Amino acid sequence: MIKNIVVIGAGFAGVYATKKLAKRFKSNSDVKITLIDRHSYFTYLTRLHEVATERVDPNSIQYDLERIFHKQKNVQLITDNVASVDKDKKVVNGENGTYPFDSLLISMGGEPNDFGTPGVKENGFTLWSMEDALRLRAHIRNIVAKGAIERDPDKRRAMLTIVVCGSGFTGAETIGELIDYKKVLAKDYKLDPSEIHVLLVEAAPTIINMLDRTNAAHAEKYIKKNNVEIRTSSMITSVNPDSVDIKDQDSIPTNTLIWTAGVKTNHVADSFGIDAGRGGRLVTNQYLQAKGFEDKSIYVAGDDANATEQGAERAVPQTAQEAENEATVSSANIAADIEGNHNYTEFHDKNMGFTVSFGAYYDIAQVFGGKRVRGWLATIMKHGTNLLYFMRIHSGYFMMQYILDEFFRVNNNRTVLPGITARQSNALWSVPLRMFLGIVLMVDAFSYNVIIPVGFGLTAIEAIIGCLLFFGLFTWIANLALIIIFFMGIASWPHAWIVFAAIALMNGSGRSIGLDYWFVPWLQKTWGHSRYGVPKSIYKNNQ
């Protein structure tokens, strides 16, 4: 008899839990796992600020679900908006279908909490989805472009003022990105960077309260050093089209208010009829089972879960790290229900610390029981944390894409290795070197074999490599083979220049005036579809 596991939400918790369940039941054809999300991709939400400030392209943080789950044949992907959950009949109701379940994981993520502040929805900008990031990205460019040519000093200042409300993870990291981004905007629109005024407004007496006071002081020093105004004990009372009102203070003239002050449970999950705690988070027991529905095998993880360790006063924070931990616990307990052994795993807070990025160059980490790390090393640790998630979901493809997007495909040198790796190379200028090296190898193969001596069938190999380089086919592989031959001691040391030429020609030189222009895209498409499947905008029920 088929047993159905349904996971609602392809966020950090949903994707990781689905991966673990797929592995657990990969040899059991009686278990089917369905992952439902309103998008056909997983969004790396903790990097939305990078998209909003043009540090990376939007597709850099969108990871197609087919590429993630192509090898998991027991996982069915569904693109749908979930409307309700019938807990008695054990059915998930979507706009485009119904999905019966034996076990259910609710991991729909959160949404911004404006605490009822007037004008936030109408006049403010949130940063909790790709749509939010793209809307903010377009607005900032547009308003700064207008401000650059505005002659009225009051209007100009309002247009060039950006206010960030809230100094949690999202707010602090948005401030960090704006520090870097305003230099880019100033250059593009011929402004003095000091004209673009960035403010951090926090209702609490202190900022970045997830850090200890020593680290928070360093963060505050860095922010102020980069000409960001900080206003603490400042509660925003309303957001207007051209100003922000603050309790007992003068209003701030601005056309840009970025609201990062809080998060609450997804409004759809609110309607599921499960008891809610602080911020609307669904109440769970120590096994992450939804309170009151323990016998229905309904679990909650991620931002939706009011996950609380036994004996703790408060639920764990809504972070990606906690979502992954909750995914581990909930998937193990779902497996126990499916297998019928009820050998449940208790939820324990396993927070190893965290890093907060302040732009591309500076991070602050608080890890391993409170150890403090700041600067370049902390930034590397932040990247390592992001890469670790791709390792956990076994996606080498997206791990490589992350490295390329964060270190190589970067504009304006906004990477931890400033200017060293962040270059969009033009392979055209290496074409003469490629053709010259190809001719040298072909001539040598049929003459005196000065470079690669006769023997071991190497003459033919030299001729083939030379031919491939000249015509620009398999260029990367041909250059790699040439380097290997040299270091095997077959080539002579007086010709060591060839190694350096081969390394330089591994820059994709075959795509300029070469056959790789057609071959490499064809290979990427064919091999990629075979290994990772064909991405789609909508995944439908195939039954």
Protein backbone atom coordinates (compact mmCIF):
# COMPACT_ATOMS: atom_id res chain seq x y z
CA MET A 1 0.00 0.00 0.00
CA ILE A 2 1.40 3.41 -1.03
CA LYS A 3 2.17 5.83 1.79
CA ASN A 4 2.25 9.51 0.92
CA ILE A 5 4.50 12.08 2.55
CA VAL A 6 3.65 15.67 1.63
CA VAL A 7 6.01 18.57 2.30
CA ILE A 8 4.54 22.07 1.94
CA GLY A 9 7.19 24.67 1.17
CA ALA A 10 10.53 24.43 -0.62
CA GLY A 11 12.55 26.58 1.74
CA PHE A 12 15.60 25.63 3.80
CA ALA A 13 13.61 23.20 5.97
CA GLY A 14 11.40 21.78 3.23
CA VAL A 15 14.17 21.05 0.74
CA TYR A 16 16.49 19.54 3.34
CA ALA A 17 13.75 17.40 4.90
CA THR A 18 12.66 16.15 1.47
CA LYS A 19 16.25 15.21 0.64
CA LYS A 20 16.61 13.26 3.87
CA LEU A 21 13.28 11.48 3.40
CA ALA A 22 14.11 10.63 -0.21
CA LYS A 23 17.36 9.04 0.91
CA ARG A 24 15.67 7.20 3.78
CA PHE A 25 13.05 5.62 1.49
CA LYS A 26 14.98 5.33 -1.78
CA SER A 27 14.68 1.54 -1.70
CA ASN A 28 11.03 1.52 -0.66
CA SER A 29 8.75 1.86 -3.69
CA ASP A 30 5.70 2.02 -1.40
CA VAL A 31 6.62 5.48 -0.13
CA LYS A 32 6.02 8.56 -2.31
CA ILE A 33 7.18 12.04 -1.33
CA THR A 34 5.50 15.15 -2.73
CA LEU A 35 7.09 18.58 -2.40
CA ILE A 36 4.70 21.49 -3.02
CA ASP A 37 5.72 25.11 -3.49
CA ARG A 38 4.26 28.12 -5.24
CA HIS A 39 7.52 28.47 -7.17
CA SER A 40 9.42 25.94 -9.25
CA TYR A 41 12.64 26.92 -7.50
CA PHE A 42 14.21 27.23 -4.05
CA THR A 43 15.14 30.80 -3.12
CA TYR A 44 18.18 31.34 -0.91
CA LEU A 45 16.35 33.90 1.23
CA THR A 46 19.32 34.90 3.35
CA ARG A 47 20.93 36.40 0.23
CA LEU A 48 18.02 38.54 -0.93
CA HIS A 49 19.84 41.71 0.12
CA GLU A 50 22.55 40.84 -2.42
CA VAL A 51 19.97 40.83 -5.21
CA ALA A 52 18.29 44.02 -3.98
CA THR A 53 21.62 45.88 -4.16
CA GLU A 54 22.79 44.37 -7.46
CA ARG A 55 25.69 42.47 -5.98
CA VAL A 56 24.46 39.31 -7.69
CA ASP A 57 21.90 38.58 -10.40
CA PRO A 58 18.47 37.23 -9.40
CA ASN A 59 19.17 33.78 -10.85
CA SER A 60 22.18 33.52 -8.53
CA ILE A 61 19.90 32.77 -5.58
CA GLN A 62 17.20 30.81 -7.42
CA TYR A 63 17.84 27.07 -7.54
CA ASP A 64 15.50 25.04 -9.71
CA LEU A 65 13.92 22.16 -7.83
CA GLU A 66 14.33 19.75 -10.74
CA ARG A 67 18.09 20.26 -10.65
CA ILE A 68 18.06 19.56 -6.91
CA PHE A 69 15.82 16.47 -6.99
CA HIS A 70 16.41 14.98 -10.43
CA LYS A 71 18.15 11.93 -8.97
CA GLN A 72 15.50 11.36 -6.32
CA LYS A 73 12.97 9.35 -8.33
CA ASN A 74 10.70 8.95 -5.29
CA VAL A 75 10.14 12.72 -5.09
CA GLN A 76 7.33 14.38 -7.03
CA LEU A 77 7.50 18.15 -7.50
CA ILE A 78 4.31 20.19 -7.55
CA THR A 79 3.99 23.92 -8.31
CA ASP A 80 0.82 25.05 -6.58
CA ASN A 81 -0.55 27.49 -4.03
CA VAL A 82 -1.73 25.64 -0.94
CA ALA A 83 -5.11 26.92 0.25
CA SER A 84 -5.95 24.69 3.21
CA VAL A 85 -5.23 21.45 5.03
CA ASP A 86 -8.04 19.02 5.90
CA LYS A 87 -6.54 17.44 8.99
CA ASP A 88 -9.33 14.88 9.46
CA LYS A 89 -9.36 13.61 5.88
CA LYS A 90 -5.57 14.11 5.71
CA VAL A 91 -5.63 16.04 2.46
CA VAL A 92 -3.77 19.16 1.36
CA ASN A 93 -5.93 21.37 -0.83
CA GLY A 94 -4.21 23.47 -3.47
CA GLU A 95 -5.55 25.82 -6.11
CA ASN A 96 -4.78 23.25 -8.81
CA GLY A 97 -5.21 19.93 -7.06
CA THR A 98 -5.56 17.92 -3.87
CA TYR A 99 -2.78 15.91 -2.29
CA PRO A 100 -3.54 13.13 0.21
CA PHE A 101 -1.00 12.47 2.92
CA ASP A 102 -0.14 9.93 5.54
CA SER A 103 2.46 12.31 6.98
CA LEU A 104 2.66 16.07 6.46
CA LEU A 105 5.42 18.60 7.00
CA ILE A 106 4.39 22.26 7.06
CA SER A 107 7.38 24.44 6.21
CA MET A 108 5.90 27.34 4.27
CA GLY A 109 8.25 29.95 5.66
CA GLY A 110 7.41 33.31 7.14
CA GLU A 111 6.52 36.75 5.91
CA PRO A 112 7.24 40.29 7.11
CA ASN A 113 5.57 41.45 10.31
CA ASP A 114 4.71 45.14 10.18
CA PHE A 115 3.07 45.05 13.64
CA GLY A 116 0.16 47.02 12.19
CA THR A 117 2.29 50.10 11.49
CA PRO A 118 0.32 52.37 9.13
CA GLY A 119 1.74 52.78 5.63
CA VAL A 120 4.29 49.96 5.63
CA LYS A 121 2.39 47.88 3.07
CA GLU A 122 1.51 50.87 0.89
CA ASN A 123 4.72 52.91 1.04
CA GLY A 124 7.46 50.69 2.42
CA PHE A 125 9.63 47.94 0.96
CA THR A 126 10.05 44.53 2.55
CA LEU A 127 12.76 42.00 1.81
CA TRP A 128 11.30 38.54 2.21
CA SER A 129 10.87 37.20 -1.33
CA MET A 130 12.42 37.44 -4.78
CA GLU A 131 9.58 39.74 -5.79
CA ASP A 132 10.44 42.02 -2.86
CA ALA A 133 14.13 42.09 -3.80
CA LEU A 134 13.46 42.91 -7.46
CA ARG A 135 10.94 45.62 -6.57
CA LEU A 136 13.41 47.24 -4.15
CA ARG A 137 16.29 46.88 -6.62
CA ALA A 138 14.36 48.70 -9.36
CA HIS A 139 13.12 51.38 -6.95
CA ILE A 140 16.54 52.27 -5.53
CA ARG A 141 18.06 52.72 -8.98
CA ASN A 142 15.10 54.74 -10.18
CA ILE A 143 14.89 57.04 -7.16
CA VAL A 144 18.65 57.70 -7.03
CA ALA A 145 18.65 58.46 -10.78
CA LYS A 146 15.85 60.99 -10.22
CA GLY A 147 17.54 62.41 -7.15
CA ALA A 148 20.79 62.98 -9.03
CA ILE A 149 19.13 65.48 -11.36
CA GLU A 150 16.65 67.00 -8.88
CA ARG A 151 17.39 70.70 -8.26
CA ASP A 152 15.11 71.25 -5.26
CA PRO A 153 17.40 70.54 -2.25
CA ASP A 154 14.65 69.14 -0.02
CA LYS A 155 13.28 66.79 -2.67
CA ARG A 156 16.82 65.81 -3.65
CA ARG A 157 17.74 64.88 -0.09
CA ALA A 158 14.56 62.80 0.36
CA MET A 159 15.21 60.95 -2.88
CA LEU A 160 18.80 60.21 -1.87
CA THR A 161 17.91 59.06 1.66
CA ILE A 162 17.45 55.35 2.36
CA VAL A 163 16.03 54.27 5.73
CA VAL A 164 16.31 50.70 7.04
CA CYS A 165 13.98 49.80 9.90
CA GLY A 166 15.22 47.01 12.17
CA SER A 167 18.72 45.77 12.99
CA GLY A 168 18.18 42.01 13.03
CA PHE A 169 19.97 39.73 10.57
CA THR A 170 18.17 41.10 7.50
CA GLY A 171 18.42 44.74 8.54
CA ALA A 172 22.09 44.57 9.50
CA GLU A 173 23.05 42.75 6.30
CA THR A 174 21.01 45.16 4.18
CA ILE A 175 22.85 48.08 5.76
CA GLY A 176 26.15 46.37 4.95
CA GLU A 177 25.20 45.93 1.31
CA LEU A 178 24.02 49.54 1.05
CA ILE A 179 27.42 50.70 2.30
CA ASP A 180 28.98 49.07 -0.77
CA TYR A 181 26.09 49.77 -3.15
CA LYS A 182 25.92 53.51 -2.64
CA LYS A 183 29.47 53.80 -4.02
CA VAL A 184 28.32 52.01 -7.18
CA LEU A 185 25.24 54.23 -7.47
CA ALA A 186 27.29 57.36 -6.87
CA LYS A 187 29.65 56.43 -9.68
CA ASP A 188 26.83 55.54 -12.08
CA TYR A 189 24.92 58.78 -11.46
CA LYS A 190 27.88 61.12 -10.95
CA LEU A 191 27.23 61.79 -7.29
CA ASP A 192 29.40 62.25 -4.27
CA PRO A 193 28.81 59.04 -2.20
CA SER A 194 28.17 61.20 0.87
CA GLU A 195 25.04 62.56 -0.83
CA ILE A 196 23.40 59.15 -0.57
CA HIS A 197 22.30 59.16 3.05
CA VAL A 198 21.67 55.78 4.74
CA LEU A 199 19.96 55.54 8.15
CA LEU A 200 19.42 52.57 10.44
CA VAL A 201 16.37 53.03 12.67
CA GLU A 202 15.91 50.66 15.63
CA ALA A 203 13.12 50.73 18.22
CA ALA A 204 15.32 49.08 20.87
CA PRO A 205 17.99 50.99 22.81
CA THR A 206 20.76 48.93 21.15
CA ILE A 207 21.35 47.52 17.67
CA ILE A 208 22.11 44.05 16.32
CA ASN A 209 21.01 42.39 19.53
CA MET A 210 21.71 38.82 18.36
CA LEU A 211 25.41 39.65 18.81
CA ASP A 212 27.09 39.98 22.18
CA ARG A 213 27.84 43.55 23.19
CA THR A 214 31.52 43.34 22.17
CA ASN A 215 30.72 42.22 18.66
CA ALA A 216 27.78 44.62 18.45
CA ALA A 217 30.12 47.47 19.33
CA HIS A 218 32.46 46.48 16.51
CA ALA A 219 29.51 46.31 14.12
CA GLU A 220 28.32 49.74 15.22
CA LYS A 221 31.81 51.17 14.76
CA TYR A 222 32.02 49.72 11.23
CA ILE A 223 28.58 51.08 10.29
CA LYS A 224 29.32 54.58 11.60
CA LYS A 225 32.76 54.59 9.98
CA ASN A 226 30.98 54.13 6.67
CA ASN A 227 28.76 57.16 7.25
CA VAL A 228 25.55 55.37 8.17
CA GLU A 229 23.44 57.24 10.72
CA ILE A 230 22.12 55.08 13.55
CA ARG A 231 18.99 56.01 15.51
CA THR A 232 18.15 53.80 18.46
CA SER A 233 15.08 54.01 20.71
CA SER A 234 13.26 55.22 17.61
CA MET A 235 9.90 53.64 16.96
CA ILE A 236 8.43 54.23 13.52
CA THR A 237 4.77 55.19 13.86
CA SER A 238 3.84 55.55 10.19
CA VAL A 239 5.34 55.36 6.72
CA ASN A 240 4.33 58.01 4.20
CA PRO A 241 5.14 58.26 0.47
CA ASP A 242 7.80 60.91 1.14
CA SER A 243 8.62 60.58 4.85
CA VAL A 244 8.83 58.32 7.89
CA ASP A 245 7.27 59.38 11.17
CA ILE A 246 9.07 58.48 14.40
CA LYS A 247 7.59 58.65 17.88
CA ASP A 248 8.62 61.84 19.73
CA GLN A 249 11.06 62.78 16.95
CA ASP A 250 11.06 64.79 13.75
CA SER A 251 10.00 62.93 10.64
CA ILE A 252 12.66 61.70 8.22
CA PRO A 253 12.11 62.89 4.63
CA THR A 254 12.64 59.85 2.41
CA ASN A 255 11.11 57.98 -0.51
CA THR A 256 12.71 54.67 0.53
CA LEU A 257 11.86 52.80 3.74
CA ILE A 258 13.11 49.20 3.90
CA TRP A 259 11.17 47.34 6.60
CA THR A 260 13.09 44.45 8.20
CA ALA A 261 11.67 44.77 11.71
CA GLY A 262 10.11 41.35 12.16
CA VAL A 263 8.83 38.08 10.77
CA LYS A 264 5.63 36.14 11.34
CA THR A 265 4.18 32.85 10.16
CA ASN A 266 2.95 32.61 6.59
CA HIS A 267 -0.64 33.88 6.51
CA VAL A 268 -1.83 30.68 4.78
CA ALA A 269 -0.46 28.54 7.62
CA ASP A 270 -2.43 30.74 10.03
CA SER A 271 -5.63 29.28 8.59
CA PHE A 272 -4.69 25.64 9.20
CA GLY A 273 -6.36 25.57 12.60
CA ILE A 274 -3.22 24.84 14.62
CA ASP A 275 -2.53 26.71 17.86
CA ALA A 276 -0.18 29.65 17.36
CA GLY A 277 2.39 31.19 19.66
CA ARG A 278 4.47 34.36 19.42
CA GLY A 279 4.57 35.83 15.91
CA GLY A 280 1.91 33.37 14.82
CA ARG A 281 4.36 30.47 14.89
CA LEU A 282 2.55 27.14 15.04
CA VAL A 283 2.91 25.41 18.40
CA THR A 284 4.66 22.03 18.40
CA ASN A 285 5.66 19.46 20.99
CA GLN A 286 9.18 18.20 21.61
CA TYR A 287 8.99 16.06 18.45
CA LEU A 288 7.88 19.01 16.28
CA GLN A 289 4.40 17.52 15.94
CA ALA A 290 1.63 20.10 15.60
CA LYS A 291 -0.04 20.57 18.98
CA GLY A 292 -3.41 18.84 19.15
CA PHE A 293 -2.77 16.77 16.02
CA GLU A 294 -0.05 14.44 17.22
CA ASP A 295 -2.05 11.43 16.03
CA LYS A 296 -2.34 12.85 12.49
CA SER A 297 1.41 12.78 11.77
CA ILE A 298 1.49 16.53 11.09
CA TYR A 299 4.82 18.24 11.69
CA VAL A 300 6.04 21.83 11.46
CA ALA A 301 9.53 23.12 10.68
CA GLY A 302 11.27 26.34 9.66
CA ASP A 303 9.87 29.82 10.25
CA ASP A 304 6.37 28.38 10.79
CA ALA A 305 7.43 26.34 13.83
CA ASN A 306 7.40 27.56 17.40
CA ALA A 307 10.19 25.04 18.00
CA THR A 308 11.14 25.03 21.68
CA GLU A 309 13.56 22.72 23.43
CA GLN A 310 12.19 21.03 26.55
CA GLY A 311 12.74 23.37 29.49
CA ALA A 312 13.57 26.42 27.38
CA GLU A 313 11.65 29.64 27.95
CA ARG A 314 11.50 30.73 24.33
CA ALA A 315 11.43 29.19 20.88
CA VAL A 316 14.61 29.14 18.82
CA PRO A 317 15.14 32.06 16.42
CA GLN A 318 13.86 31.85 12.85
CA THR A 319 17.16 31.28 11.07
CA ALA A 320 18.33 28.99 8.27
CA GLN A 321 20.48 27.02 10.70
CA GLU A 322 17.53 26.30 12.99
CA ALA A 323 15.38 25.40 9.97
CA GLU A 324 17.93 22.76 8.94
CA ASN A 325 17.99 21.34 12.47
CA GLU A 326 14.20 21.20 12.54
CA ALA A 327 14.22 19.50 9.13
CA THR A 328 16.48 16.80 10.51
CA VAL A 329 14.23 16.14 13.51
CA SER A 330 10.91 16.30 11.65
CA SER A 331 12.09 14.07 8.79
CA ALA A 332 13.35 11.46 11.26
CA ASN A 333 10.01 11.48 13.08
CA ILE A 334 8.00 11.32 9.84
CA ALA A 335 10.06 8.29 8.89
CA ALA A 336 9.24 6.75 12.29
CA ASP A 337 5.51 7.25 11.60
CA ILE A 338 5.74 5.78 8.11
CA GLU A 339 7.68 2.78 9.37
CA GLY A 340 5.32 2.43 12.32
CA ASN A 341 7.98 2.23 15.04
CA HIS A 342 7.23 5.62 16.68
CA ASN A 343 10.85 5.85 17.79
CA TYR A 344 10.78 9.63 17.90
CA THR A 345 13.70 12.06 18.02
CA GLU A 346 13.39 15.00 20.41
CA PHE A 347 14.14 18.51 19.24
CA HIS A 348 17.25 20.10 20.78
CA ASP A 349 18.67 23.49 19.94
CA LYS A 350 22.00 22.81 18.22
CA ASN A 351 22.88 26.36 17.32
CA MET A 352 26.61 26.51 16.54
CA GLY A 353 26.63 30.29 16.21
CA PHE A 354 26.21 32.57 13.24
CA THR A 355 27.85 35.14 11.02
CA VAL A 356 26.47 38.52 10.03
CA SER A 357 27.70 40.03 6.77
CA PHE A 358 28.14 43.78 6.36
CA GLY A 359 28.62 43.83 2.62
CA ALA A 360 31.07 41.83 0.56
CA TYR A 361 34.20 42.58 2.57
CA TYR A 362 33.39 42.55 6.28
CA ASP A 363 31.60 40.00 8.46
CA ILE A 364 31.26 39.34 12.17
CA ALA A 365 31.01 35.76 13.42
CA GLN A 366 30.00 34.47 16.81
CA VAL A 367 30.59 30.72 16.71
CA PHE A 368 31.55 27.63 18.69
CA GLY A 369 30.29 28.73 22.05
CA GLY A 370 30.80 32.47 21.62
CA LYS A 371 34.16 32.67 19.84
CA ARG A 372 34.45 36.02 18.08
CA VAL A 373 35.78 36.29 14.53
CA ARG A 374 35.70 39.48 12.48
CA GLY A 375 36.73 40.72 9.08
CA TRP A 376 38.07 38.69 6.16
CA LEU A 377 38.12 35.35 7.97
CA ALA A 378 34.54 35.78 9.14
CA THR A 379 33.51 36.52 5.55
CA ILE A 380 35.11 33.27 4.38
CA MET A 381 33.25 31.48 7.19
CA LYS A 382 29.98 33.00 5.95
CA HIS A 383 30.61 31.64 2.47
CA GLY A 384 31.53 28.29 3.99
CA THR A 385 28.22 28.21 5.87
CA ASN A 386 26.29 28.83 2.65
CA LEU A 387 28.26 26.16 0.81
CA LEU A 388 27.60 23.72 3.64
CA TYR A 389 23.88 23.79 2.85
CA PHE A 390 24.52 22.71 -0.73
CA MET A 391 26.72 19.91 0.61
CA ARG A 392 23.90 18.78 2.89
CA ILE A 393 21.39 18.63 0.05
CA HIS A 394 24.03 16.96 -2.16
CA SER A 395 24.01 19.57 -4.91
CA GLY A 396 27.50 19.89 -6.32
CA TYR A 397 26.08 21.75 -9.30
CA PHE A 398 24.67 24.60 -7.24
CA MET A 399 27.72 24.61 -4.99
CA MET A 400 29.83 25.38 -8.06
CA GLN A 401 27.32 28.00 -9.23
CA TYR A 402 27.53 29.68 -5.82
CA ILE A 403 31.33 29.86 -6.03
CA LEU A 404 31.20 31.32 -9.54
CA ASP A 405 28.52 33.86 -8.61
CA GLU A 406 30.17 35.02 -5.38
CA PHE A 407 33.83 35.08 -6.49
CA PHE A 408 34.02 35.33 -10.27
CA ARG A 409 30.81 36.61 -11.89
CA VAL A 410 30.86 39.72 -9.76
CA ASN A 411 30.61 43.32 -10.91
CA ASN A 412 32.34 46.28 -9.25
CA ASN A 413 34.74 43.99 -7.34
CA ARG A 414 32.12 43.27 -4.66
CA THR A 415 33.70 40.07 -3.40
CA VAL A 416 35.85 39.08 -0.44
CA LEU A 417 38.82 38.90 -2.85
CA PRO A 418 38.44 42.45 -4.23
CA GLY A 419 39.55 42.70 -7.84
CA ILE A 420 41.54 39.47 -7.83
CA THR A 421 38.89 37.09 -9.09
CA ALA A 422 35.97 39.39 -9.94
CA ARG A 423 36.54 39.81 -13.63
CA GLN A 424 34.40 39.17 -16.69
CA SER A 425 37.19 38.01 -18.99
CA ASN A 426 37.22 38.70 -22.75
CA ALA A 427 38.60 35.57 -24.39
CA LEU A 428 38.96 37.27 -27.79
CA TRP A 429 42.43 38.58 -27.02
CA SER A 430 43.74 35.10 -26.23
CA VAL A 431 42.75 33.71 -29.65
CA PRO A 432 46.10 34.57 -31.33
CA LEU A 433 47.97 32.77 -28.53
CA ARG A 434 45.68 29.75 -28.83
CA MET A 435 46.20 29.46 -32.58
CA PHE A 436 49.93 30.06 -32.28
CA LEU A 437 50.34 27.33 -29.64
CA GLY A 438 48.25 24.96 -31.78
CA ILE A 439 50.50 25.57 -34.80
CA VAL A 440 53.67 25.13 -32.69
CA LEU A 441 52.47 21.75 -31.42
CA MET A 442 51.35 20.51 -34.85
CA VAL A 443 54.61 21.56 -36.54
CA ASP A 444 56.64 20.02 -33.72
CA ALA A 445 54.76 16.75 -33.98
CA PHE A 446 55.70 16.34 -37.62
CA SER A 447 59.27 17.63 -37.44
CA TYR A 448 61.92 17.28 -34.77
CA ASN A 449 59.79 16.77 -31.68
CA VAL A 450 61.72 19.27 -29.64
CA ILE A 451 58.88 19.92 -27.21
CA ILE A 452 57.47 16.43 -26.74
CA PRO A 453 60.01 13.72 -27.68
CA VAL A 454 59.17 10.84 -29.98
CA GLY A 455 58.00 7.71 -28.24
CA PHE A 456 55.11 6.30 -26.30
CA GLY A 457 52.77 7.36 -29.08
CA LEU A 458 53.11 10.97 -27.93
CA THR A 459 53.68 12.35 -31.39
CA ALA A 460 50.06 11.66 -32.32
CA ILE A 461 48.87 13.10 -28.98
CA GLU A 462 50.86 16.27 -29.58
CA ALA A 463 49.38 16.62 -33.06
CA ILE A 464 45.83 16.09 -31.74
CA ILE A 465 46.28 18.65 -28.96
CA GLY A 466 47.69 21.13 -31.44
CA CYS A 467 44.80 20.58 -33.83
CA LEU A 468 42.22 20.97 -31.05
CA LEU A 469 43.81 24.23 -29.88
CA PHE A 470 44.04 25.68 -33.37
CA PHE A 471 40.39 24.99 -34.14
CA GLY A 472 39.19 25.79 -30.61
CA LEU A 473 37.57 22.43 -29.79
CA PHE A 474 37.74 20.82 -26.33
CA THR A 475 40.06 23.73 -25.54
CA TRP A 476 39.95 23.41 -21.77
CA ILE A 477 40.60 19.65 -21.85
CA ALA A 478 43.37 20.02 -24.46
CA ASN A 479 45.21 22.58 -22.32
CA LEU A 480 44.81 20.43 -19.23
CA ALA A 481 46.29 17.46 -21.10
CA LEU A 482 49.23 19.62 -22.18
CA ILE A 483 49.90 20.67 -18.59
CA ILE A 484 49.73 17.08 -17.38
CA ILE A 485 52.18 15.96 -20.08
CA PHE A 486 54.64 18.62 -19.04
CA PHE A 487 54.53 17.74 -15.35
CA MET A 488 54.91 14.06 -16.16
CA GLY A 489 58.40 15.05 -17.24
CA ILE A 490 57.82 14.25 -20.89
CA ALA A 491 58.24 17.78 -22.19
CA SER A 492 61.49 19.71 -21.80
CA TRP A 493 62.01 22.48 -19.24
CA PRO A 494 63.19 25.06 -21.81
CA HIS A 495 59.61 24.99 -23.06
CA ALA A 496 58.01 25.68 -19.68
CA TRP A 497 56.38 28.76 -21.21
CA ILE A 498 53.89 26.38 -22.80
CA VAL A 499 52.48 25.50 -19.35
CA PHE A 500 51.74 29.13 -18.56
CA ALA A 501 50.25 29.64 -22.00
CA ALA A 502 48.02 26.58 -21.48
CA ILE A 503 46.83 27.90 -18.12
CA ALA A 504 45.99 31.27 -19.69
CA LEU A 505 44.08 29.54 -22.50
CA MET A 506 41.80 27.74 -20.03
CA ASN A 507 39.77 30.96 -19.90
CA GLY A 508 37.27 29.73 -22.48
CA SER A 509 39.40 30.87 -25.40
CA GLY A 510 37.81 28.25 -27.66
CA ARG A 511 34.51 30.13 -27.56
CA SER A 512 36.00 33.05 -29.49
CA ILE A 513 36.58 32.17 -33.15
CA GLY A 514 36.56 28.48 -32.26
CA LEU A 515 34.35 25.40 -32.41
CA ASP A 516 33.72 25.53 -28.66
CA TYR A 517 31.38 28.44 -29.40
CA TRP A 518 28.87 25.81 -30.56
CA PHE A 519 30.14 22.68 -28.84
CA VAL A 520 30.35 23.81 -25.20
CA PRO A 521 26.74 25.13 -24.97
CA TRP A 522 25.52 21.94 -26.67
CA LEU A 523 27.48 19.79 -24.21
CA GLN A 524 26.25 21.80 -21.22
CA LYS A 525 22.66 21.48 -22.38
CA THR A 526 22.83 17.78 -23.25
CA TRP A 527 24.88 16.68 -20.25
CA GLY A 528 23.01 19.01 -17.91
CA HIS A 529 19.60 17.68 -18.96
CA SER A 530 20.81 14.11 -18.63
CA ARG A 531 22.28 14.64 -15.17
CA TYR A 532 19.96 17.27 -13.67
CA GLY A 533 16.76 17.07 -15.71
CA VAL A 534 14.94 19.85 -17.55
CA PRO A 535 13.90 22.83 -15.39
CA LYS A 536 10.28 23.93 -15.76
CA SER A 537 8.33 26.98 -14.68
CA ILE A 538 5.52 24.76 -13.35
CA TYR A 539 5.68 21.22 -11.95
CA LYS A 540 2.41 19.33 -12.20
CA ASN A 541 0.95 16.20 -10.68
CA ASN A 542 2.00 13.39 -13.03
CA GLN A 543 -0.71 11.03 -11.88
